[in-house]
Amino acid sequence: MGDPHGVGIVGLGVISRAYLDTLANHPAVRIVALADLDASRSAAVAAAIPGSEASSVEHLLARPDVQTVLNLTIPAAHADISLGAIDAGKNVYVEKPLAVRFPDGRSIIERATAARVHVGCAPDTVLGTGTQTARAAVDGGLIGRPLSATAVMVTPGHERWHPHPDFYYVPGGGPLLDMGPYYISALIHLLGPVRAVVGAASRLRAERVIGSGPRAGQRIPVEVDTHVTGVLEHVSGALSTITTSFDGVATTAAPIEVHGETATLAVPDPNNFDGTVRLRALGDTEWRVLEPRAGYAEGSRGIGLIDLVGADGKRPPRAGGDVALHVLETMTTLLRSAAEGRRIELTTAAQRPALVPLTPADDWKT
């Protein structure tokens, strides 16, 4: 193994803790700089990571020892920070979604291509043993020809637990752009890219009440649709039906089911890295559990960045920018379809990322 890959992190909000748990002690990377709008927060995190330094964003982007920028800012800032990193000659790994607006996402990919740097994007949960074992089952013919899939995410809203949930309810938020990347990324791994979409959407109420933290009881406006459903037409001919909602209470639906000519596959929550994959073949009376056969075992946030570093330009990263752009277009076009009441074809395509071989935790963590 060569020298550790230098990483600078921009944005140290709630999600950063999960990334730091994975990356702070990983031998393939070295966190050298951290930046946040709250300087005291970046100073506190840097003090806990030997060899790292609190920094401004400008200084972080200018550092020659920062090879990849991990962009964990709020969605509205994703494009500006990612483009700044690319213009500074850095690779970028960005939290989902790639950007709030599709044209901004396209600019990220085009400028990265021109600059010959690499883009990765969450979610990397789909690289774990849950989604990848299901992908291996589909590829191995265990369900026959894939015909359709369903994907369901229903919650009462993140304001119940998040102390600062405002960004979930402004453009760039909502259940589709927030949680859709997990489900649509998984569907692309399972069934391939999307050709066209048809959508419908609604909004239950005009404001939400924060349920925890120092702002508990405060009301915040809702500026986006909070229940989105639609049909994705895959290039393969399969049809996926997706529902994402911040308006429901609970659901008994499987997070994802894939139906084939000879069997149905129950896929675990793509918001998690692992989970039980179950198969029920035509004629069977019971579901059969499939043992993990692909994916990063015991995966955790940041494995997508480690995969990008390991690819080193020799292969596309499995949580790569092309898939993230295709997911972003799928989501924004689904919302446009809902607003316009018509079927809309997509302009991007993405190759299914390479299957992740079953990789024990000791192999990717060391």
Protein backbone atom coordinates (compact mmCIF):
# COMPACT_ATOMS: atom_id res chain seq x y z
CA MET A 1 0.00 0.00 0.00
CA GLY A 2 1.31 3.48 -0.90
CA ASP A 3 1.03 6.66 1.09
CA PRO A 4 -2.43 7.39 2.52
CA HIS A 5 -4.74 9.42 0.30
CA GLY A 6 -5.20 12.97 1.62
CA VAL A 7 -8.83 13.89 2.35
CA GLY A 8 -10.32 17.24 3.31
CA ILE A 9 -13.84 17.32 4.75
CA VAL A 10 -16.20 20.24 4.22
CA GLY A 11 -19.29 20.18 6.46
CA LEU A 12 -19.35 18.60 9.91
CA GLY A 13 -23.05 18.20 10.58
CA VAL A 14 -24.92 15.15 11.87
CA ILE A 15 -23.92 12.80 9.03
CA SER A 16 -20.19 13.54 9.40
CA ARG A 17 -19.91 11.40 12.54
CA ALA A 18 -20.64 8.22 10.59
CA TYR A 19 -18.03 9.11 7.95
CA LEU A 20 -15.43 9.95 10.57
CA ASP A 21 -15.98 6.64 12.33
CA THR A 22 -15.00 4.87 9.11
CA LEU A 23 -12.31 7.15 7.73
CA ALA A 24 -10.44 8.59 10.69
CA ASN A 25 -8.40 5.43 11.27
CA HIS A 26 -8.49 3.82 7.83
CA PRO A 27 -4.98 3.12 6.47
CA ALA A 28 -5.87 4.07 2.88
CA VAL A 29 -6.81 7.64 3.74
CA ARG A 30 -5.57 10.46 5.95
CA ILE A 31 -7.86 13.29 7.00
CA VAL A 32 -5.68 16.37 6.75
CA ALA A 33 -8.14 19.28 6.90
CA LEU A 34 -11.67 20.01 8.11
CA ALA A 35 -13.89 23.01 7.42
CA ASP A 36 -17.32 24.03 8.67
CA LEU A 37 -19.35 27.22 8.89
CA ASP A 38 -19.01 26.79 12.66
CA ALA A 39 -15.27 27.21 13.23
CA SER A 40 -15.50 25.87 16.77
CA ARG A 41 -16.96 22.63 15.42
CA SER A 42 -14.14 22.07 12.91
CA ALA A 43 -11.58 22.88 15.63
CA ALA A 44 -13.11 20.35 18.00
CA VAL A 45 -13.19 17.59 15.37
CA ALA A 46 -9.63 18.34 14.22
CA ALA A 47 -8.39 18.12 17.81
CA ALA A 48 -9.65 14.53 17.96
CA ILE A 49 -7.96 13.41 14.70
CA PRO A 50 -4.14 13.34 14.84
CA GLY A 51 -2.52 15.07 11.88
CA SER A 52 -5.63 17.01 10.86
CA GLU A 53 -6.18 20.75 10.95
CA ALA A 54 -9.20 23.03 11.17
CA SER A 55 -9.36 25.21 8.10
CA SER A 56 -11.39 27.58 6.00
CA VAL A 57 -12.91 26.13 2.85
CA GLU A 58 -10.62 28.28 0.69
CA HIS A 59 -7.49 27.09 2.47
CA LEU A 60 -8.64 23.47 2.38
CA LEU A 61 -9.17 23.60 -1.38
CA ALA A 62 -5.75 25.17 -1.89
CA ARG A 63 -3.84 22.56 0.11
CA PRO A 64 -1.67 20.33 -2.10
CA ASP A 65 -2.01 17.43 0.35
CA VAL A 66 -5.81 17.33 -0.12
CA GLN A 67 -6.38 14.95 -3.01
CA THR A 68 -10.10 14.33 -2.46
CA VAL A 69 -12.71 16.60 -0.92
CA LEU A 70 -15.47 14.90 1.07
CA ASN A 71 -18.44 17.25 0.64
CA LEU A 72 -20.88 16.84 3.55
CA THR A 73 -22.57 20.23 3.31
CA ILE A 74 -26.34 20.70 3.06
CA PRO A 75 -27.80 19.85 -0.37
CA ALA A 76 -28.10 23.50 -1.42
CA ALA A 77 -24.32 23.87 -1.10
CA HIS A 78 -23.33 20.61 -2.79
CA ALA A 79 -22.80 22.08 -6.26
CA ASP A 80 -20.77 25.13 -5.21
CA ILE A 81 -18.40 23.17 -2.97
CA SER A 82 -17.99 20.32 -5.46
CA LEU A 83 -17.31 22.69 -8.37
CA GLY A 84 -14.81 24.63 -6.26
CA ALA A 85 -12.98 21.40 -5.43
CA ILE A 86 -12.95 20.28 -9.06
CA ASP A 87 -11.63 23.67 -10.19
CA ALA A 88 -8.85 23.24 -7.61
CA GLY A 89 -7.90 19.92 -9.20
CA LYS A 90 -9.36 17.72 -6.46
CA ASN A 91 -11.46 14.58 -6.64
CA VAL A 92 -14.86 14.94 -4.95
CA TYR A 93 -16.99 12.56 -2.95
CA VAL A 94 -20.31 14.23 -2.10
CA GLU A 95 -23.23 13.34 0.13
CA LYS A 96 -26.46 12.67 -1.69
CA PRO A 97 -27.95 14.12 -3.76
CA LEU A 98 -25.23 15.12 -6.20
CA ALA A 99 -26.87 18.56 -6.47
CA VAL A 100 -30.28 20.13 -5.97
CA ARG A 101 -30.76 20.97 -9.64
CA PHE A 102 -30.02 18.62 -12.52
CA PRO A 103 -28.11 21.26 -14.58
CA ASP A 104 -25.78 21.78 -11.61
CA GLY A 105 -25.21 18.04 -11.33
CA ARG A 106 -24.43 17.86 -15.03
CA SER A 107 -21.93 20.72 -14.63
CA ILE A 108 -20.16 18.81 -11.85
CA ILE A 109 -19.68 15.77 -14.04
CA GLU A 110 -18.70 17.74 -17.16
CA ARG A 111 -16.14 19.87 -15.32
CA ALA A 112 -14.72 16.85 -13.52
CA THR A 113 -14.29 15.07 -16.85
CA ALA A 114 -12.55 18.10 -18.33
CA ALA A 115 -10.31 18.43 -15.27
CA ARG A 116 -9.55 14.68 -15.26
CA VAL A 117 -10.60 14.25 -11.66
CA HIS A 118 -13.04 11.73 -10.23
CA VAL A 119 -16.49 12.17 -8.69
CA GLY A 120 -18.10 9.84 -6.20
CA CYS A 121 -21.44 10.27 -4.49
CA ALA A 122 -23.51 8.69 -1.75
CA PRO A 123 -25.31 6.51 -1.11
CA ASP A 124 -22.66 3.86 -0.61
CA THR A 125 -25.05 1.76 1.47
CA VAL A 126 -25.92 -0.06 -1.76
CA LEU A 127 -22.36 -1.47 -1.82
CA GLY A 128 -23.05 -3.50 1.32
CA THR A 129 -24.06 -7.14 1.49
CA GLY A 130 -27.80 -6.38 1.43
CA THR A 131 -28.23 -4.80 -2.00
CA GLN A 132 -25.19 -6.56 -3.50
CA THR A 133 -26.38 -10.03 -2.49
CA ALA A 134 -29.74 -9.24 -4.10
CA ARG A 135 -27.90 -7.99 -7.19
CA ALA A 136 -25.90 -11.24 -7.35
CA ALA A 137 -29.16 -13.21 -7.14
CA VAL A 138 -30.66 -11.26 -10.06
CA ASP A 139 -27.48 -11.58 -12.11
CA GLY A 140 -27.29 -15.29 -11.29
CA GLY A 141 -30.75 -15.92 -12.74
CA LEU A 142 -32.39 -16.90 -9.46
CA ILE A 143 -35.57 -14.96 -10.29
CA GLY A 144 -35.55 -15.56 -14.04
CA ARG A 145 -36.18 -12.56 -16.27
CA PRO A 146 -36.78 -9.48 -14.05
CA LEU A 147 -40.20 -7.98 -14.69
CA SER A 148 -40.82 -5.32 -12.07
CA ALA A 149 -39.93 -3.93 -8.66
CA THR A 150 -41.51 -1.93 -5.87
CA ALA A 151 -39.71 0.49 -3.56
CA VAL A 152 -41.42 2.00 -0.52
CA MET A 153 -40.24 4.53 2.07
CA VAL A 154 -42.84 5.95 4.47
CA THR A 155 -42.08 8.03 7.59
CA PRO A 156 -43.90 10.82 9.45
CA GLY A 157 -41.03 13.23 8.75
CA HIS A 158 -37.50 13.94 9.96
CA GLU A 159 -38.55 16.90 12.10
CA ARG A 160 -39.50 14.39 14.78
CA TRP A 161 -35.84 13.59 15.50
CA HIS A 162 -33.60 16.09 13.67
CA PRO A 163 -32.86 19.27 15.69
CA HIS A 164 -32.45 21.41 12.53
CA PRO A 165 -34.74 19.83 9.89
CA ASP A 166 -35.35 22.98 7.83
CA PHE A 167 -33.40 21.81 4.77
CA TYR A 168 -35.61 18.74 4.42
CA TYR A 169 -38.54 21.00 3.52
CA VAL A 170 -37.00 23.46 1.06
CA PRO A 171 -36.02 22.85 -2.59
CA GLY A 172 -33.43 20.10 -2.60
CA GLY A 173 -35.22 18.36 0.25
CA GLY A 174 -38.46 16.42 0.46
CA PRO A 175 -38.74 12.64 0.69
CA LEU A 176 -37.67 11.96 -2.88
CA LEU A 177 -34.45 13.96 -3.00
CA ASP A 178 -33.59 13.01 0.59
CA MET A 179 -34.36 9.27 0.62
CA GLY A 180 -34.91 8.53 -3.06
CA PRO A 181 -31.17 8.23 -3.80
CA TYR A 182 -31.00 5.07 -1.66
CA TYR A 183 -33.90 3.37 -3.39
CA ILE A 184 -33.22 4.52 -6.94
CA SER A 185 -29.50 3.70 -6.66
CA ALA A 186 -30.44 0.22 -5.46
CA LEU A 187 -32.91 -0.20 -8.33
CA ILE A 188 -30.20 0.79 -10.82
CA HIS A 189 -27.81 -1.77 -9.31
CA LEU A 190 -30.57 -4.39 -9.49
CA LEU A 191 -32.30 -3.59 -12.80
CA GLY A 192 -30.12 -1.10 -14.67
CA PRO A 193 -30.65 2.50 -15.79
CA VAL A 194 -33.98 4.27 -16.24
CA ARG A 195 -35.40 5.34 -19.61
CA ALA A 196 -38.50 7.35 -18.62
CA VAL A 197 -40.65 8.24 -15.62
CA VAL A 198 -44.25 9.07 -14.72
CA GLY A 199 -44.88 10.78 -11.37
CA ALA A 200 -47.51 12.17 -9.01
CA ALA A 201 -47.01 14.13 -5.79
CA SER A 202 -48.85 15.87 -2.95
CA ARG A 203 -48.24 17.94 0.19
CA LEU A 204 -50.05 17.11 3.44
CA ARG A 205 -49.51 20.39 5.30
CA ALA A 206 -47.86 23.77 4.92
CA GLU A 207 -45.67 23.65 8.02
CA ARG A 208 -43.98 21.22 10.38
CA VAL A 209 -43.19 21.32 14.12
CA ILE A 210 -39.67 20.51 15.31
CA GLY A 211 -39.91 17.70 17.86
CA SER A 212 -36.52 17.72 19.59
CA GLY A 213 -33.47 19.80 20.46
CA PRO A 214 -33.18 23.48 21.36
CA ARG A 215 -35.79 24.50 18.76
CA ALA A 216 -38.44 21.98 19.86
CA GLY A 217 -41.91 23.37 19.22
CA GLN A 218 -40.78 25.79 16.51
CA ARG A 219 -42.79 25.72 13.29
CA ILE A 220 -41.02 25.62 9.93
CA PRO A 221 -42.52 26.12 6.45
CA VAL A 222 -42.88 23.30 3.95
CA GLU A 223 -41.91 24.38 0.41
CA VAL A 224 -41.77 20.99 -1.32
CA ASP A 225 -44.06 18.03 -1.99
CA THR A 226 -43.88 15.54 0.87
CA HIS A 227 -45.45 12.48 -0.76
CA VAL A 228 -44.07 11.42 -4.14
CA THR A 229 -44.89 8.32 -6.12
CA GLY A 230 -44.09 7.21 -9.65
CA VAL A 231 -43.18 4.58 -12.18
CA LEU A 232 -39.65 4.14 -13.51
CA GLU A 233 -39.30 2.52 -16.92
CA HIS A 234 -35.92 0.78 -17.00
CA VAL A 235 -33.99 0.41 -20.24
CA SER A 236 -34.21 -3.36 -19.67
CA GLY A 237 -38.02 -3.17 -19.93
CA ALA A 238 -38.62 -3.75 -16.22
CA LEU A 239 -40.97 -1.33 -14.42
CA SER A 240 -40.32 -0.06 -10.89
CA THR A 241 -42.97 1.62 -8.75
CA ILE A 242 -41.56 3.95 -6.09
CA THR A 243 -43.23 5.71 -3.15
CA THR A 244 -41.40 8.11 -0.84
CA SER A 245 -43.34 9.91 1.86
CA PHE A 246 -42.90 12.16 4.88
CA ASP A 247 -46.67 12.06 5.38
CA GLY A 248 -47.35 8.51 6.55
CA VAL A 249 -46.93 6.87 9.94
CA ALA A 250 -45.57 3.42 9.11
CA THR A 251 -45.68 0.66 6.52
CA THR A 252 -45.48 -3.12 6.42
CA ALA A 253 -44.26 -3.08 2.81
CA ALA A 254 -40.83 -4.50 2.04
CA PRO A 255 -38.37 -1.68 1.29
CA ILE A 256 -37.75 -3.23 -2.15
CA GLU A 257 -39.18 -6.28 -3.88
CA VAL A 258 -38.01 -7.50 -7.28
CA HIS A 259 -40.36 -9.76 -9.24
CA GLY A 260 -39.12 -12.12 -11.92
CA GLU A 261 -40.69 -14.81 -14.05
CA THR A 262 -39.64 -17.58 -11.67
CA ALA A 263 -39.19 -15.95 -8.25
CA THR A 264 -39.60 -12.85 -6.11
CA LEU A 265 -36.75 -11.29 -4.18
CA ALA A 266 -37.26 -9.32 -0.95
CA VAL A 267 -34.43 -6.79 -0.64
CA PRO A 268 -33.48 -5.14 2.68
CA ASP A 269 -33.61 -1.41 3.38
CA PRO A 270 -31.08 0.30 1.07
CA ASN A 271 -30.53 2.90 3.79
CA ASN A 272 -28.55 0.14 5.54
CA PHE A 273 -25.49 -1.74 4.36
CA ASP A 274 -26.63 -5.23 5.33
CA GLY A 275 -29.90 -7.00 6.01
CA THR A 276 -31.62 -10.23 5.11
CA VAL A 277 -32.25 -11.05 1.45
CA ARG A 278 -35.12 -13.49 0.93
CA LEU A 279 -36.18 -15.47 -2.14
CA ARG A 280 -39.46 -17.16 -2.89
CA ALA A 281 -39.45 -19.27 -6.03
CA LEU A 282 -42.50 -20.20 -8.09
CA GLY A 283 -44.17 -23.16 -6.40
CA ASP A 284 -42.51 -22.63 -3.02
CA THR A 285 -44.62 -22.15 0.09
CA GLU A 286 -41.94 -20.42 2.16
CA TRP A 287 -39.33 -17.71 1.74
CA ARG A 288 -35.68 -18.81 1.68
CA VAL A 289 -32.92 -16.66 3.19
CA LEU A 290 -29.93 -16.11 0.93
CA GLU A 291 -26.58 -16.01 2.67
CA PRO A 292 -24.41 -12.99 1.81
CA ARG A 293 -22.68 -13.62 -1.50
CA ALA A 294 -21.53 -10.14 -2.54
CA GLY A 295 -20.79 -6.73 -1.06
CA TYR A 296 -18.59 -5.08 1.55
CA ALA A 297 -19.30 -6.96 4.79
CA GLU A 298 -20.02 -4.74 7.80
CA GLY A 299 -20.02 -1.73 5.48
CA SER A 300 -20.22 1.79 6.87
CA ARG A 301 -20.45 5.36 5.58
CA GLY A 302 -17.36 6.26 3.64
CA ILE A 303 -16.83 2.87 1.99
CA GLY A 304 -17.78 4.57 -1.29
CA LEU A 305 -14.89 7.01 -0.88
CA ILE A 306 -12.54 4.12 -0.03
CA ASP A 307 -13.79 2.31 -3.14
CA LEU A 308 -13.10 5.47 -5.20
CA VAL A 309 -9.57 5.72 -3.78
CA GLY A 310 -8.98 2.03 -4.46
CA ALA A 311 -10.20 2.39 -8.04
CA ASP A 312 -7.46 4.99 -8.65
CA GLY A 313 -8.80 5.69 -12.14
CA LYS A 314 -8.35 2.07 -13.23
CA ARG A 315 -12.11 1.39 -13.11
CA PRO A 316 -15.20 3.52 -12.47
CA PRO A 317 -15.97 3.99 -8.78
CA ARG A 318 -18.97 1.89 -7.77
CA ALA A 319 -20.59 4.88 -6.06
CA GLY A 320 -19.66 7.10 -8.99
CA GLY A 321 -20.77 10.41 -10.37
CA ASP A 322 -22.38 8.99 -13.50
CA VAL A 323 -24.82 6.94 -11.43
CA ALA A 324 -25.43 9.90 -9.09
CA LEU A 325 -26.23 12.17 -12.05
CA HIS A 326 -28.62 9.57 -13.48
CA VAL A 327 -30.30 9.23 -10.07
CA LEU A 328 -30.57 13.03 -9.81
CA GLU A 329 -32.16 13.29 -13.24
CA THR A 330 -34.53 10.44 -12.41
CA MET A 331 -35.69 12.25 -9.27
CA THR A 332 -35.96 15.76 -10.68
CA THR A 333 -37.73 14.46 -13.79
CA LEU A 334 -40.14 12.49 -11.62
CA LEU A 335 -41.01 15.71 -9.80
CA ARG A 336 -41.40 17.53 -13.11
CA SER A 337 -43.60 14.74 -14.42
CA ALA A 338 -45.80 15.09 -11.32
CA ALA A 339 -46.09 18.85 -11.88
CA GLU A 340 -46.79 18.55 -15.61
CA GLY A 341 -48.87 15.37 -15.55
CA ARG A 342 -47.02 13.53 -18.31
CA ARG A 343 -44.47 10.81 -19.07
CA ILE A 344 -40.96 12.23 -19.58
CA GLU A 345 -37.90 10.51 -21.06
CA LEU A 346 -34.48 10.95 -19.44
CA THR A 347 -31.43 12.36 -21.19
CA THR A 348 -28.73 10.50 -19.22
CA ALA A 349 -27.77 6.88 -18.98
CA ALA A 350 -25.52 5.06 -16.56
CA GLN A 351 -23.90 1.67 -16.65
CA ARG A 352 -24.71 -0.66 -13.77
CA PRO A 353 -21.67 -0.45 -11.47
CA ALA A 354 -19.54 -3.56 -11.19
CA LEU A 355 -20.75 -6.08 -8.62
CA VAL A 356 -18.83 -5.88 -5.35
CA PRO A 357 -17.28 -9.28 -4.63
CA LEU A 358 -17.99 -10.55 -1.12
CA THR A 359 -15.33 -8.66 0.81
CA PRO A 360 -14.81 -9.47 4.51
CA ALA A 361 -14.60 -6.50 6.84
CA ASP A 362 -10.95 -7.22 7.66
CA ASP A 363 -10.07 -6.94 3.97
CA TRP A 364 -11.54 -3.48 3.38
CA LYS A 365 -10.87 -2.00 6.80
CA THR A 366 -7.14 -2.76 6.79
